[in-house]
Amino acid sequence: MTVFGLPFHPLVVHATVVVVPAAAVAVLLAALWPRFRRWAAWGPVALAAVALVLVPVTTSSGESLEHALPHDALIEKHAHLADGLLPWSIALLVGALVVGWPRLAAGHPRLWTPPRWLVLGGAVVSVVAALGSLVEVVLIGHSGAAAAWSGVATAS
């Protein structure tokens, strides 16, 4: 797929490279800093949800681009690493929801209030998922840049 003659993947990847780390940092801060959690409200959850939508869109567009290019080990490594971001994004959203849920439940007495141990577990999931997402984005980005700048990612 192309947009104005450019492959869609390099365009959508910019959104992913911004939103996934922003979501990871927001969820990490919400998990560790109660004042930020109160201030940010549902922002970290919303960012994590957008990240979860962007990841499969980006990987799908990358697979389309991969099939349009000649086979290369650098592109294959990049694609393999990119496949690992989806589980981190899922965990990030789950952690953000568990950490953010008590704020919503406090304002609505009929909603279930999770026990403290579950919220603490959500905070642990949030921290691990945020750090894992950040590391994964850096590794994927580095491998993608190596593939693009090596000259193998130029289609005629």
Protein backbone atom coordinates (compact mmCIF):
# COMPACT_ATOMS: atom_id res chain seq x y z
CA MET A 1 0.00 0.00 0.00
CA THR A 2 1.26 3.48 -0.83
CA VAL A 3 0.27 6.99 0.16
CA PHE A 4 1.17 9.71 -2.33
CA GLY A 5 3.59 7.26 -3.92
CA LEU A 6 5.37 6.40 -0.66
CA PRO A 7 5.13 3.03 1.06
CA PHE A 8 2.68 3.21 3.99
CA HIS A 9 5.05 1.51 6.43
CA PRO A 10 7.62 4.30 6.81
CA LEU A 11 4.76 6.75 7.34
CA VAL A 12 2.87 4.80 10.01
CA VAL A 13 6.06 3.72 11.74
CA HIS A 14 6.64 7.32 12.81
CA ALA A 15 3.36 7.33 14.72
CA THR A 16 4.24 4.02 16.35
CA VAL A 17 7.72 5.20 17.32
CA VAL A 18 6.16 8.19 19.10
CA VAL A 19 3.03 6.64 20.62
CA VAL A 20 4.47 3.37 22.00
CA PRO A 21 7.25 5.04 24.02
CA ALA A 22 4.86 7.82 25.14
CA ALA A 23 2.40 5.17 26.32
CA ALA A 24 5.17 3.23 28.05
CA VAL A 25 6.40 6.30 29.93
CA ALA A 26 2.86 7.39 30.86
CA VAL A 27 1.93 3.92 32.11
CA LEU A 28 5.22 3.63 34.00
CA LEU A 29 4.64 6.98 35.71
CA ALA A 30 1.02 6.10 36.49
CA ALA A 31 2.09 2.81 38.04
CA LEU A 32 4.79 4.35 40.23
CA TRP A 33 3.59 7.87 41.00
CA PRO A 34 0.09 8.29 42.50
CA ARG A 35 0.03 12.05 41.93
CA PHE A 36 0.72 11.56 38.21
CA ARG A 37 -1.92 8.80 38.11
CA ARG A 38 -4.53 11.20 39.52
CA TRP A 39 -3.48 14.01 37.17
CA ALA A 40 -3.25 11.84 34.03
CA ALA A 41 -6.58 10.10 34.70
CA TRP A 42 -7.29 7.85 31.70
CA GLY A 43 -4.49 9.31 29.54
CA PRO A 44 -2.09 6.38 30.03
CA VAL A 45 -4.86 3.89 29.21
CA ALA A 46 -5.81 5.84 26.08
CA LEU A 47 -2.18 6.01 24.91
CA ALA A 48 -1.72 2.29 25.55
CA ALA A 49 -4.90 1.56 23.56
CA VAL A 50 -3.71 3.67 20.62
CA ALA A 51 -0.33 1.93 20.79
CA LEU A 52 -2.07 -1.45 20.70
CA VAL A 53 -3.95 -0.42 17.56
CA LEU A 54 -0.86 1.01 15.86
CA VAL A 55 1.39 -2.01 16.41
CA PRO A 56 -0.53 -4.49 14.21
CA VAL A 57 -1.14 -1.80 11.58
CA THR A 58 2.58 -1.08 11.47
CA THR A 59 3.65 -4.71 11.39
CA SER A 60 1.08 -5.51 8.71
CA SER A 61 2.28 -2.65 6.52
CA GLY A 62 5.84 -3.77 7.16
CA GLU A 63 5.03 -7.30 6.01
CA SER A 64 3.53 -5.88 2.81
CA LEU A 65 6.68 -3.86 2.21
CA GLU A 66 8.87 -6.85 3.05
CA HIS A 67 7.16 -8.91 0.32
CA ALA A 68 7.72 -6.12 -2.20
CA LEU A 69 11.47 -6.04 -1.52
CA PRO A 70 14.16 -8.59 -2.30
CA HIS A 71 14.88 -11.06 0.50
CA ASP A 72 17.49 -9.75 2.90
CA ALA A 73 18.73 -10.86 6.31
CA LEU A 74 18.48 -7.33 7.77
CA ILE A 75 14.83 -6.98 6.78
CA GLU A 76 14.10 -10.47 8.08
CA LYS A 77 15.72 -9.62 11.44
CA HIS A 78 13.70 -6.39 11.61
CA ALA A 79 10.45 -8.23 10.85
CA HIS A 80 11.22 -10.91 13.44
CA LEU A 81 11.89 -8.29 16.13
CA ALA A 82 8.75 -6.35 15.18
CA ASP A 83 6.59 -9.42 15.76
CA GLY A 84 7.63 -9.29 19.42
CA LEU A 85 6.10 -5.86 20.11
CA LEU A 86 2.45 -6.94 20.12
CA PRO A 87 2.62 -8.99 23.37
CA TRP A 88 4.36 -6.08 25.11
CA SER A 89 1.64 -3.72 23.89
CA ILE A 90 -1.10 -6.02 25.15
CA ALA A 91 0.57 -6.28 28.56
CA LEU A 92 0.99 -2.49 28.64
CA LEU A 93 -2.73 -1.94 28.08
CA VAL A 94 -3.73 -4.59 30.63
CA GLY A 95 -1.39 -3.08 33.23
CA ALA A 96 -2.68 0.43 32.51
CA LEU A 97 -6.29 -0.73 32.89
CA VAL A 98 -5.64 -2.51 36.18
CA VAL A 99 -3.73 0.47 37.60
CA GLY A 100 -6.29 2.99 36.35
CA TRP A 101 -9.43 1.06 37.27
CA PRO A 102 -9.60 2.04 40.98
CA ARG A 103 -9.85 5.71 39.97
CA LEU A 104 -12.94 4.97 37.87
CA ALA A 105 -14.43 2.64 40.47
CA ALA A 106 -14.02 5.27 43.21
CA GLY A 107 -16.32 7.63 41.33
CA HIS A 108 -18.97 4.97 40.66
CA PRO A 109 -20.01 2.98 43.74
CA ARG A 110 -21.70 0.25 41.67
CA LEU A 111 -18.45 -0.65 39.91
CA TRP A 112 -16.31 -3.42 41.25
CA THR A 113 -13.30 -2.21 43.21
CA PRO A 114 -10.29 -4.48 42.69
CA PRO A 115 -8.40 -5.72 45.73
CA ARG A 116 -5.11 -4.02 46.56
CA TRP A 117 -3.06 -7.08 45.61
CA LEU A 118 -4.51 -6.98 42.09
CA VAL A 119 -3.68 -3.29 41.68
CA LEU A 120 -0.13 -3.95 42.92
CA GLY A 121 0.13 -6.83 40.46
CA GLY A 122 -1.08 -4.49 37.73
CA ALA A 123 1.62 -2.03 38.71
CA VAL A 124 4.26 -4.75 38.36
CA VAL A 125 2.85 -5.75 34.97
CA SER A 126 2.83 -2.07 33.96
CA VAL A 127 6.47 -1.54 34.91
CA VAL A 128 7.68 -4.70 33.18
CA ALA A 129 5.57 -4.05 30.07
CA ALA A 130 6.68 -0.41 29.88
CA LEU A 131 10.37 -1.31 30.11
CA GLY A 132 9.95 -4.23 27.71
CA SER A 133 8.11 -2.01 25.20
CA LEU A 134 10.82 0.63 25.34
CA VAL A 135 13.61 -1.88 24.81
CA GLU A 136 11.70 -3.59 22.01
CA VAL A 137 11.02 -0.30 20.18
CA VAL A 138 14.70 0.62 20.34
CA LEU A 139 15.78 -2.79 19.01
CA ILE A 140 13.17 -2.76 16.25
CA GLY A 141 13.99 0.80 15.27
CA HIS A 142 17.70 0.11 15.16
CA SER A 143 17.26 -2.97 13.00
CA GLY A 144 14.85 -1.10 10.70
CA ALA A 145 17.27 1.78 10.31
CA ALA A 146 20.10 -0.65 9.59
CA ALA A 147 17.98 -2.29 6.89
CA ALA A 148 16.85 1.01 5.37
CA TRP A 149 20.24 2.68 5.38
CA SER A 150 22.06 -0.38 4.07
CA GLY A 151 20.38 0.21 0.73
CA VAL A 152 18.37 -3.00 0.78
CA ALA A 153 15.06 -1.30 1.52
CA THR A 154 14.91 0.69 -1.69
CA ALA A 155 12.42 -0.66 -4.18
CA SER A 156 12.35 0.40 -7.78
